[in-house]
């Protein structure tokens, strides 16, 4: 192999590694399936709590319970969104280096 072939092979290998990393990055991007799974698990958790402790369904307790659920859900959503924005920004920074 001459020098040009070695450089071409090295470049091709680095491009393959970059493509594998980009594919993994895209695979880890949040999607609608994850949101549906989180929502369904939250509903199942609520159903389990209501089944085990029926007194939770009475109005004063249920309102507080509902407010806490919505608060935690919105906090989780905003934190997840912020983390994903940071990861995207990091990817853009690293994309220039790669």
PDB file of N, CA and C in Angstrom:
ATOM      1  N   UNK A   1       0.844  -1.185   0.000  1.00  0.00           N
ATOM      2  CA  UNK A   1       0.000   0.000   0.000  1.00  0.00           C
ATOM      3  C   UNK A   1       0.885   1.243   0.000  1.00  0.00           C
ATOM      4  N   UNK A   2       0.506   2.175  -0.814  1.00  0.00           N
ATOM      5  CA  UNK A   2       1.274   3.415  -0.828  1.00  0.00           C
ATOM      6  C   UNK A   2       0.670   4.413   0.162  1.00  0.00           C
ATOM      7  N   UNK A   3       1.272   5.560   0.237  1.00  0.00           N
ATOM      8  CA  UNK A   3       0.890   6.563   1.230  1.00  0.00           C
ATOM      9  C   UNK A   3      -0.546   7.051   1.023  1.00  0.00           C
ATOM     10  N   UNK A   4      -0.958   7.243  -0.211  1.00  0.00           N
ATOM     11  CA  UNK A   4      -2.318   7.721  -0.491  1.00  0.00           C
ATOM     12  C   UNK A   4      -3.370   6.700  -0.069  1.00  0.00           C
ATOM     13  N   UNK A   5      -3.087   5.432  -0.299  1.00  0.00           N
ATOM     14  CA  UNK A   5      -4.033   4.392   0.093  1.00  0.00           C
ATOM     15  C   UNK A   5      -4.158   4.299   1.610  1.00  0.00           C
ATOM     16  N   UNK A   6      -3.050   4.449   2.310  1.00  0.00           N
ATOM     17  CA  UNK A   6      -3.077   4.411   3.773  1.00  0.00           C
ATOM     18  C   UNK A   6      -3.880   5.592   4.312  1.00  0.00           C
ATOM     19  N   UNK A   7      -3.671   6.767   3.759  1.00  0.00           N
ATOM     20  CA  UNK A   7      -4.421   7.946   4.193  1.00  0.00           C
ATOM     21  C   UNK A   7      -5.909   7.797   3.885  1.00  0.00           C
ATOM     22  N   UNK A   8      -6.214   7.254   2.712  1.00  0.00           N
ATOM     23  CA  UNK A   8      -7.618   7.047   2.340  1.00  0.00           C
ATOM     24  C   UNK A   8      -8.269   6.030   3.275  1.00  0.00           C
ATOM     25  N   UNK A   9      -7.548   4.978   3.599  1.00  0.00           N
ATOM     26  CA  UNK A   9      -8.084   3.959   4.507  1.00  0.00           C
ATOM     27  C   UNK A   9      -8.291   4.540   5.900  1.00  0.00           C
ATOM     28  N   UNK A  10      -7.354   5.343   6.354  1.00  0.00           N
ATOM     29  CA  UNK A  10      -7.475   5.989   7.664  1.00  0.00           C
ATOM     30  C   UNK A  10      -8.666   6.951   7.689  1.00  0.00           C
ATOM     31  N   UNK A  11      -8.825   7.710   6.628  1.00  0.00           N
ATOM     32  CA  UNK A  11      -9.952   8.636   6.532  1.00  0.00           C
ATOM     33  C   UNK A  11     -11.277   7.882   6.510  1.00  0.00           C
ATOM     34  N   UNK A  12     -11.310   6.781   5.774  1.00  0.00           N
ATOM     35  CA  UNK A  12     -12.526   5.973   5.702  1.00  0.00           C
ATOM     36  C   UNK A  12     -12.876   5.402   7.076  1.00  0.00           C
ATOM     37  N   UNK A  13     -11.881   4.922   7.817  1.00  0.00           N
ATOM     38  CA  UNK A  13     -12.128   4.394   9.166  1.00  0.00           C
ATOM     39  C   UNK A  13     -12.648   5.471  10.106  1.00  0.00           C
ATOM     40  N   UNK A  14     -12.073   6.654  10.031  1.00  0.00           N
ATOM     41  CA  UNK A  14     -12.547   7.739  10.900  1.00  0.00           C
ATOM     42  C   UNK A  14     -13.967   8.156  10.523  1.00  0.00           C
ATOM     43  N   UNK A  15     -14.286   8.120   9.228  1.00  0.00           N
ATOM     44  CA  UNK A  15     -15.649   8.449   8.801  1.00  0.00           C
ATOM     45  C   UNK A  15     -16.640   7.393   9.290  1.00  0.00           C
ATOM     46  N   UNK A  16     -16.235   6.131   9.288  1.00  0.00           N
ATOM     47  CA  UNK A  16     -17.106   5.069   9.795  1.00  0.00           C
ATOM     48  C   UNK A  16     -17.364   5.245  11.289  1.00  0.00           C
ATOM     49  N   UNK A  17     -16.316   5.555  12.041  1.00  0.00           N
ATOM     50  CA  UNK A  17     -16.479   5.773  13.483  1.00  0.00           C
ATOM     51  C   UNK A  17     -17.402   6.952  13.749  1.00  0.00           C
ATOM     52  N   UNK A  18     -17.225   8.010  12.979  1.00  0.00           N
ATOM     53  CA  UNK A  18     -18.080   9.185  13.132  1.00  0.00           C
ATOM     54  C   UNK A  18     -19.527   8.840  12.823  1.00  0.00           C
ATOM     55  N   UNK A  19     -19.746   8.062  11.783  1.00  0.00           N
ATOM     56  CA  UNK A  19     -21.110   7.685  11.407  1.00  0.00           C
ATOM     57  C   UNK A  19     -21.751   6.813  12.481  1.00  0.00           C
ATOM     58  N   UNK A  20     -20.981   5.906  13.069  1.00  0.00           N
ATOM     59  CA  UNK A  20     -21.512   5.063  14.145  1.00  0.00           C
ATOM     60  C   UNK A  20     -21.915   5.926  15.337  1.00  0.00           C
ATOM     61  N   UNK A  21     -21.080   6.901  15.683  1.00  0.00           N
ATOM     62  CA  UNK A  21     -21.405   7.794  16.795  1.00  0.00           C
ATOM     63  C   UNK A  21     -22.638   8.641  16.491  1.00  0.00           C
ATOM     64  N   UNK A  22     -22.741   9.128  15.266  1.00  0.00           N
ATOM     65  CA  UNK A  22     -23.916   9.921  14.890  1.00  0.00           C
ATOM     66  C   UNK A  22     -25.183   9.076  14.910  1.00  0.00           C
ATOM     67  N   UNK A  23     -25.085   7.828  14.459  1.00  0.00           N
ATOM     68  CA  UNK A  23     -26.250   6.940  14.498  1.00  0.00           C
ATOM     69  C   UNK A  23     -26.688   6.673  15.933  1.00  0.00           C
ATOM     70  N   UNK A  24     -25.721   6.460  16.817  1.00  0.00           N
ATOM     71  CA  UNK A  24     -26.053   6.237  18.227  1.00  0.00           C
ATOM     72  C   UNK A  24     -26.670   7.489  18.840  1.00  0.00           C
ATOM     73  N   UNK A  25     -26.138   8.653  18.484  1.00  0.00           N
ATOM     74  CA  UNK A  25     -26.679   9.915  18.984  1.00  0.00           C
ATOM     75  C   UNK A  25     -28.129  10.091  18.544  1.00  0.00           C
ATOM     76  N   UNK A  26     -28.413   9.809  17.291  1.00  0.00           N
ATOM     77  CA  UNK A  26     -29.779   9.943  16.784  1.00  0.00           C
ATOM     78  C   UNK A  26     -30.711   8.918  17.423  1.00  0.00           C
ATOM     79  N   UNK A  27     -30.190   7.731  17.709  1.00  0.00           N
ATOM     80  CA  UNK A  27     -31.009   6.695  18.325  1.00  0.00           C
ATOM     81  C   UNK A  27     -31.409   7.091  19.746  1.00  0.00           C
ATOM     82  N   UNK A  28     -30.545   7.821  20.439  1.00  0.00           N
ATOM     83  CA  UNK A  28     -30.813   8.211  21.821  1.00  0.00           C
ATOM     84  C   UNK A  28     -31.652   9.477  21.937  1.00  0.00           C
ATOM     85  N   UNK A  29     -31.965  10.098  20.830  1.00  0.00           N
ATOM     86  CA  UNK A  29     -32.799  11.304  20.848  1.00  0.00           C
ATOM     87  C   UNK A  29     -34.188  10.949  21.387  1.00  0.00           C
ATOM     88  N   UNK A  30     -34.759  11.810  22.222  1.00  0.00           N
ATOM     89  CA  UNK A  30     -36.089  11.500  22.763  1.00  0.00           C
ATOM     90  C   UNK A  30     -37.132  11.436  21.651  1.00  0.00           C
ATOM     91  N   UNK A  31     -38.100  10.551  21.831  1.00  0.00           N
ATOM     92  CA  UNK A  31     -39.145  10.401  20.821  1.00  0.00           C
ATOM     93  C   UNK A  31     -40.502  10.279  21.496  1.00  0.00           C
ATOM     94  N   UNK A  32     -41.531  10.166  20.700  1.00  0.00           N
ATOM     95  CA  UNK A  32     -42.892  10.133  21.227  1.00  0.00           C
ATOM     96  C   UNK A  32     -43.168   8.841  21.985  1.00  0.00           C
ATOM     97  N   UNK A  33     -42.484   7.762  21.676  1.00  0.00           N
ATOM     98  CA  UNK A  33     -42.715   6.496  22.374  1.00  0.00           C
ATOM     99  C   UNK A  33     -42.339   6.612  23.848  1.00  0.00           C
ATOM    100  N   UNK A  34     -41.249   7.290  24.124  1.00  0.00           N
ATOM    101  CA  UNK A  34     -40.825   7.470  25.510  1.00  0.00           C
ATOM    102  C   UNK A  34     -41.838   8.270  26.311  1.00  0.00           C
ATOM    103  N   UNK A  35     -42.415   9.286  25.686  1.00  0.00           N
ATOM    104  CA  UNK A  35     -43.431  10.094  26.372  1.00  0.00           C
ATOM    105  C   UNK A  35     -44.669   9.266  26.678  1.00  0.00           C
ATOM    106  N   UNK A  36     -45.068   8.443  25.732  1.00  0.00           N
ATOM    107  CA  UNK A  36     -46.252   7.603  25.946  1.00  0.00           C
ATOM    108  C   UNK A  36     -45.983   6.573  27.038  1.00  0.00           C
ATOM    109  N   UNK A  37     -44.796   6.005  27.039  1.00  0.00           N
ATOM    110  CA  UNK A  37     -44.455   5.014  28.066  1.00  0.00           C
ATOM    111  C   UNK A  37     -44.433   5.656  29.450  1.00  0.00           C
ATOM    112  N   UNK A  38     -43.861   6.861  29.563  1.00  0.00           N
ATOM    113  CA  UNK A  38     -43.850   7.557  30.858  1.00  0.00           C
ATOM    114  C   UNK A  38     -45.266   7.868  31.324  1.00  0.00           C
ATOM    115  N   UNK A  39     -46.116   8.317  30.398  1.00  0.00           N
ATOM    116  CA  UNK A  39     -47.491   8.646  30.752  1.00  0.00           C
ATOM    117  C   UNK A  39     -48.250   7.395  31.195  1.00  0.00           C
ATOM    118  N   UNK A  40     -48.072   6.297  30.462  1.00  0.00           N
ATOM    119  CA  UNK A  40     -48.757   5.051  30.816  1.00  0.00           C
ATOM    120  C   UNK A  40     -48.268   4.524  32.163  1.00  0.00           C
ATOM    121  N   UNK A  41     -46.979   4.630  32.418  1.00  0.00           N
ATOM    122  CA  UNK A  41     -46.469   4.155  33.708  1.00  0.00           C
ATOM    123  C   UNK A  41     -46.989   5.021  34.853  1.00  0.00           C
ATOM    124  N   UNK A  42     -47.142   6.324  34.600  1.00  0.00           N
ATOM    125  CA  UNK A  42     -47.700   7.195  35.623  1.00  0.00           C
ATOM    126  C   UNK A  42     -49.158   6.814  35.905  1.00  0.00           C
ATOM    127  N   UNK A  43     -49.922   6.529  34.852  1.00  0.00           N
ATOM    128  CA  UNK A  43     -51.314   6.117  35.047  1.00  0.00           C
ATOM    129  C   UNK A  43     -51.407   4.785  35.791  1.00  0.00           C
ATOM    130  N   UNK A  44     -50.540   3.850  35.446  1.00  0.00           N
ATOM    131  CA  UNK A  44     -50.543   2.568  36.147  1.00  0.00           C
ATOM    132  C   UNK A  44     -50.162   2.740  37.616  1.00  0.00           C
ATOM    133  N   UNK A  45     -49.216   3.615  37.874  1.00  0.00           N
ATOM    134  CA  UNK A  45     -48.840   3.893  39.259  1.00  0.00           C
ATOM    135  C   UNK A  45     -49.991   4.502  40.045  1.00  0.00           C
ATOM    136  N   UNK A  46     -50.701   5.427  39.408  1.00  0.00           N
ATOM    137  CA  UNK A  46     -51.858   6.031  40.078  1.00  0.00           C
ATOM    138  C   UNK A  46     -52.946   4.993  40.324  1.00  0.00           C
ATOM    139  N   UNK A  47     -53.183   4.121  39.345  1.00  0.00           N
ATOM    140  CA  UNK A  47     -54.201   3.081  39.508  1.00  0.00           C
ATOM    141  C   UNK A  47     -53.818   2.131  40.641  1.00  0.00           C
ATOM    142  N   UNK A  48     -52.549   1.808  40.738  1.00  0.00           N
ATOM    143  CA  UNK A  48     -52.090   0.929  41.815  1.00  0.00           C
ATOM    144  C   UNK A  48     -52.293   1.580  43.178  1.00  0.00           C
ATOM    145  N   UNK A  49     -51.954   2.857  43.280  1.00  0.00           N
ATOM    146  CA  UNK A  49     -52.131   3.566  44.554  1.00  0.00           C
ATOM    147  C   UNK A  49     -53.611   3.649  44.917  1.00  0.00           C
ATOM    148  N   UNK A  50     -54.457   3.928  43.931  1.00  0.00           N
ATOM    149  CA  UNK A  50     -55.897   3.985  44.199  1.00  0.00           C
ATOM    150  C   UNK A  50     -56.451   2.617  44.585  1.00  0.00           C
ATOM    151  N   UNK A  51     -55.900   1.565  44.008  1.00  0.00           N
ATOM    152  CA  UNK A  51     -56.342   0.220  44.345  1.00  0.00           C
ATOM    153  C   UNK A  51     -55.914  -0.156  45.764  1.00  0.00           C
ATOM    154  N   UNK A  52     -54.695   0.188  46.117  1.00  0.00           N
ATOM    155  CA  UNK A  52     -54.179  -0.177  47.437  1.00  0.00           C
ATOM    156  C   UNK A  52     -54.739   0.718  48.547  1.00  0.00           C
ATOM    157  N   UNK A  53     -54.924   1.994  48.242  1.00  0.00           N
ATOM    158  CA  UNK A  53     -55.394   2.959  49.240  1.00  0.00           C
ATOM    159  C   UNK A  53     -56.588   3.728  48.677  1.00  0.00           C
ATOM    160  N   UNK A  54     -57.790   3.188  48.775  1.00  0.00           N
ATOM    161  CA  UNK A  54     -58.962   3.855  48.181  1.00  0.00           C
ATOM    162  C   UNK A  54     -59.283   5.208  48.810  1.00  0.00           C
ATOM    163  N   UNK A  55     -58.829   5.445  50.024  1.00  0.00           N
ATOM    164  CA  UNK A  55     -59.125   6.729  50.667  1.00  0.00           C
ATOM    165  C   UNK A  55     -58.414   7.892  49.983  1.00  0.00           C
ATOM    166  N   UNK A  56     -57.442   7.609  49.141  1.00  0.00           N
ATOM    167  CA  UNK A  56     -56.739   8.659  48.404  1.00  0.00           C
ATOM    168  C   UNK A  56     -57.678   9.324  47.399  1.00  0.00           C
ATOM    169  N   UNK A  57     -58.692   8.620  46.946  1.00  0.00           N
ATOM    170  CA  UNK A  57     -59.603   9.149  45.930  1.00  0.00           C
ATOM    171  C   UNK A  57     -60.599  10.155  46.492  1.00  0.00           C
ATOM    172  N   UNK A  58     -60.648  10.325  47.782  1.00  0.00           N
ATOM    173  CA  UNK A  58     -61.578  11.293  48.355  1.00  0.00           C
ATOM    174  C   UNK A  58     -61.070  12.705  48.081  1.00  0.00           C
ATOM    175  N   UNK A  59     -61.978  13.664  47.874  1.00  0.00           N
ATOM    176  CA  UNK A  59     -61.617  14.979  47.335  1.00  0.00           C
ATOM    177  C   UNK A  59     -60.438  15.727  47.955  1.00  0.00           C
ATOM    178  N   UNK A  60     -60.331  15.951  49.233  1.00  0.00           N
ATOM    179  CA  UNK A  60     -59.196  16.780  49.671  1.00  0.00           C
ATOM    180  C   UNK A  60     -57.837  16.143  49.365  1.00  0.00           C
ATOM    181  N   UNK A  61     -57.747  14.864  49.568  1.00  0.00           N
ATOM    182  CA  UNK A  61     -56.474  14.186  49.337  1.00  0.00           C
ATOM    183  C   UNK A  61     -56.194  14.066  47.843  1.00  0.00           C
ATOM    184  N   UNK A  62     -57.216  13.795  47.063  1.00  0.00           N
ATOM    185  CA  UNK A  62     -57.008  13.603  45.624  1.00  0.00           C
ATOM    186  C   UNK A  62     -56.563  14.893  44.941  1.00  0.00           C
ATOM    187  N   UNK A  63     -57.047  16.041  45.413  1.00  0.00           N
ATOM    188  CA  UNK A  63     -56.624  17.304  44.808  1.00  0.00           C
ATOM    189  C   UNK A  63     -55.144  17.566  45.060  1.00  0.00           C
ATOM    190  N   UNK A  64     -54.714  17.330  46.270  1.00  0.00           N
ATOM    191  CA  UNK A  64     -53.296  17.509  46.595  1.00  0.00           C
ATOM    192  C   UNK A  64     -52.455  16.516  45.800  1.00  0.00           C
ATOM    193  N   UNK A  65     -52.934  15.291  45.731  1.00  0.00           N
ATOM    194  CA  UNK A  65     -52.239  14.251  44.982  1.00  0.00           C
ATOM    195  C   UNK A  65     -52.117  14.637  43.506  1.00  0.00           C
ATOM    196  N   UNK A  66     -53.184  15.154  42.937  1.00  0.00           N
ATOM    197  CA  UNK A  66     -53.189  15.568  41.537  1.00  0.00           C
ATOM    198  C   UNK A  66     -52.238  16.743  41.299  1.00  0.00           C
ATOM    199  N   UNK A  67     -52.230  17.697  42.200  1.00  0.00           N
ATOM    200  CA  UNK A  67     -51.327  18.846  42.069  1.00  0.00           C
ATOM    201  C   UNK A  67     -49.871  18.382  42.132  1.00  0.00           C
ATOM    202  N   UNK A  68     -49.575  17.467  43.033  1.00  0.00           N
ATOM    203  CA  UNK A  68     -48.208  16.950  43.131  1.00  0.00           C
ATOM    204  C   UNK A  68     -47.797  16.194  41.865  1.00  0.00           C
ATOM    205  N   UNK A  69     -48.715  15.431  41.319  1.00  0.00           N
ATOM    206  CA  UNK A  69     -48.407  14.679  40.093  1.00  0.00           C
ATOM    207  C   UNK A  69     -48.113  15.627  38.943  1.00  0.00           C
ATOM    208  N   UNK A  70     -48.953  16.627  38.760  1.00  0.00           N
ATOM    209  CA  UNK A  70     -48.722  17.576  37.671  1.00  0.00           C
ATOM    210  C   UNK A  70     -47.442  18.378  37.889  1.00  0.00           C
ATOM    211  N   UNK A  71     -47.159  18.724  39.123  1.00  0.00           N
ATOM    212  CA  UNK A  71     -45.924  19.450  39.413  1.00  0.00           C
ATOM    213  C   UNK A  71     -44.691  18.630  39.094  1.00  0.00           C
ATOM    214  N   UNK A  72     -44.691  17.386  39.510  1.00  0.00           N
ATOM    215  CA  UNK A  72     -43.550  16.513  39.226  1.00  0.00           C
ATOM    216  C   UNK A  72     -43.411  16.259  37.729  1.00  0.00           C
ATOM    217  N   UNK A  73     -44.537  16.086  37.057  1.00  0.00           N
ATOM    218  CA  UNK A  73     -44.493  15.835  35.618  1.00  0.00           C
ATOM    219  C   UNK A  73     -43.941  17.043  34.865  1.00  0.00           C
ATOM    220  N   UNK A  74     -44.363  18.232  35.227  1.00  0.00           N
ATOM    221  CA  UNK A  74     -43.857  19.422  34.538  1.00  0.00           C
ATOM    222  C   UNK A  74     -42.380  19.652  34.851  1.00  0.00           C
ATOM    223  N   UNK A  75     -41.977  19.381  36.073  1.00  0.00           N
ATOM    224  CA  UNK A  75     -40.568  19.529  36.428  1.00  0.00           C
ATOM    225  C   UNK A  75     -39.704  18.526  35.662  1.00  0.00           C
ATOM    226  N   UNK A  76     -40.171  17.305  35.569  1.00  0.00           N
ATOM    227  CA  UNK A  76     -39.447  16.276  34.820  1.00  0.00           C
ATOM    228  C   UNK A  76     -39.350  16.644  33.343  1.00  0.00           C
ATOM    229  N   UNK A  77     -40.431  17.154  32.794  1.00  0.00           N
ATOM    230  CA  UNK A  77     -40.441  17.539  31.382  1.00  0.00           C
ATOM    231  C   UNK A  77     -39.465  18.682  31.113  1.00  0.00           C
ATOM    232  N   UNK A  78     -39.486  19.700  31.955  1.00  0.00           N
ATOM    233  CA  UNK A  78     -38.592  20.837  31.723  1.00  0.00           C
ATOM    234  C   UNK A  78     -37.128  20.441  31.913  1.00  0.00           C
ATOM    235  N   UNK A  79     -36.850  19.600  32.884  1.00  0.00           N
ATOM    236  CA  UNK A  79     -35.477  19.147  33.098  1.00  0.00           C
ATOM    237  C   UNK A  79     -34.997  18.297  31.923  1.00  0.00           C
ATOM    238  N   UNK A  80     -35.857  17.436  31.442  1.00  0.00           N
ATOM    239  CA  UNK A  80     -35.507  16.599  30.297  1.00  0.00           C
ATOM    240  C   UNK A  80     -35.263  17.457  29.057  1.00  0.00           C
ATOM    241  N   UNK A  81     -36.080  18.456  28.868  1.00  0.00           N
ATOM    242  CA  UNK A  81     -35.927  19.347  27.719  1.00  0.00           C
ATOM    243  C   UNK A  81     -34.607  20.117  27.799  1.00  0.00           C
ATOM    244  N   UNK A  82     -34.270  20.582  28.993  1.00  0.00           N
ATOM    245  CA  UNK A  82     -33.028  21.325  29.179  1.00  0.00           C
ATOM    246  C   UNK A  82     -31.811  20.433  28.926  1.00  0.00           C
ATOM    247  N   UNK A  83     -31.862  19.217  29.421  1.00  0.00           N
ATOM    248  CA  UNK A  83     -30.752  18.280  29.212  1.00  0.00           C
ATOM    249  C   UNK A  83     -30.594  17.962  27.732  1.00  0.00           C
ATOM    250  N   UNK A  84     -31.703  17.765  27.048  1.00  0.00           N
ATOM    251  CA  UNK A  84     -31.622  17.464  25.616  1.00  0.00           C
ATOM    252  C   UNK A  84     -31.071  18.642  24.825  1.00  0.00           C
ATOM    253  N   UNK A  85     -31.406  19.861  25.221  1.00  0.00           N
ATOM    254  CA  UNK A  85     -30.844  21.033  24.550  1.00  0.00           C
ATOM    255  C   UNK A  85     -29.339  21.109  24.775  1.00  0.00           C
ATOM    256  N   UNK A  86     -28.902  20.787  25.985  1.00  0.00           N
ATOM    257  CA  UNK A  86     -27.468  20.803  26.266  1.00  0.00           C
ATOM    258  C   UNK A  86     -26.739  19.747  25.448  1.00  0.00           C
ATOM    259  N   UNK A  87     -27.334  18.579  25.334  1.00  0.00           N
ATOM    260  CA  UNK A  87     -26.714  17.516  24.545  1.00  0.00           C
ATOM    261  C   UNK A  87     -26.645  17.917  23.076  1.00  0.00           C
ATOM    262  N   UNK A  88     -27.703  18.530  22.568  1.00  0.00           N
ATOM    263  CA  UNK A  88     -27.688  18.981  21.176  1.00  0.00           C
ATOM    264  C   UNK A  88     -26.624  20.057  20.956  1.00  0.00           C
ATOM    265  N   UNK A  89     -26.482  20.964  21.917  1.00  0.00           N
ATOM    266  CA  UNK A  89     -25.452  22.000  21.801  1.00  0.00           C
ATOM    267  C   UNK A  89     -24.057  21.372  21.831  1.00  0.00           C
ATOM    268  N   UNK A  90     -23.867  20.392  22.699  1.00  0.00           N
ATOM    269  CA  UNK A  90     -22.585  19.692  22.755  1.00  0.00           C
ATOM    270  C   UNK A  90     -22.307  18.974  21.440  1.00  0.00           C
ATOM    271  N   UNK A  91     -23.338  18.376  20.887  1.00  0.00           N
ATOM    272  CA  UNK A  91     -23.168  17.688  19.603  1.00  0.00           C
ATOM    273  C   UNK A  91     -22.768  18.666  18.509  1.00  0.00           C
ATOM    274  N   UNK A  92     -23.380  19.834  18.494  1.00  0.00           N
ATOM    275  CA  UNK A  92     -23.025  20.835  17.481  1.00  0.00           C
ATOM    276  C   UNK A  92     -21.581  21.297  17.654  1.00  0.00           C
ATOM    277  N   UNK A  93     -21.154  21.443  18.916  1.00  0.00           N
ATOM    278  CA  UNK A  93     -19.768  21.840  19.162  1.00  0.00           C
ATOM    279  C   UNK A  93     -18.797  20.754  18.708  1.00  0.00           C
ATOM    280  N   UNK A  94     -19.115  19.518  19.027  1.00  0.00           N
ATOM    281  CA  UNK A  94     -18.227  18.420  18.665  1.00  0.00           C
ATOM    282  C   UNK A  94     -18.268  18.108  17.174  1.00  0.00           C
ATOM    283  N   UNK A  95     -19.376  18.417  16.545  1.00  0.00           N
ATOM    284  CA  UNK A  95     -19.514  18.144  15.119  1.00  0.00           C
ATOM    285  C   UNK A  95     -18.492  18.949  14.319  1.00  0.00           C
ATOM    286  N   UNK A  96     -18.191  20.142  14.782  1.00  0.00           N
ATOM    287  CA  UNK A  96     -17.187  20.958  14.106  1.00  0.00           C
ATOM    288  C   UNK A  96     -15.793  20.372  14.263  1.00  0.00           C
ATOM    289  N   UNK A  97     -15.538  19.714  15.408  1.00  0.00           N
ATOM    290  CA  UNK A  97     -14.218  19.131  15.654  1.00  0.00           C
ATOM    291  C   UNK A  97     -14.025  17.818  14.912  1.00  0.00           C
ATOM    292  N   UNK A  98     -15.111  17.085  14.704  1.00  0.00           N
ATOM    293  CA  UNK A  98     -15.003  15.759  14.078  1.00  0.00           C
ATOM    294  C   UNK A  98     -14.897  15.892  12.619  1.00  0.00           C
TER     295      UNK A  98
END
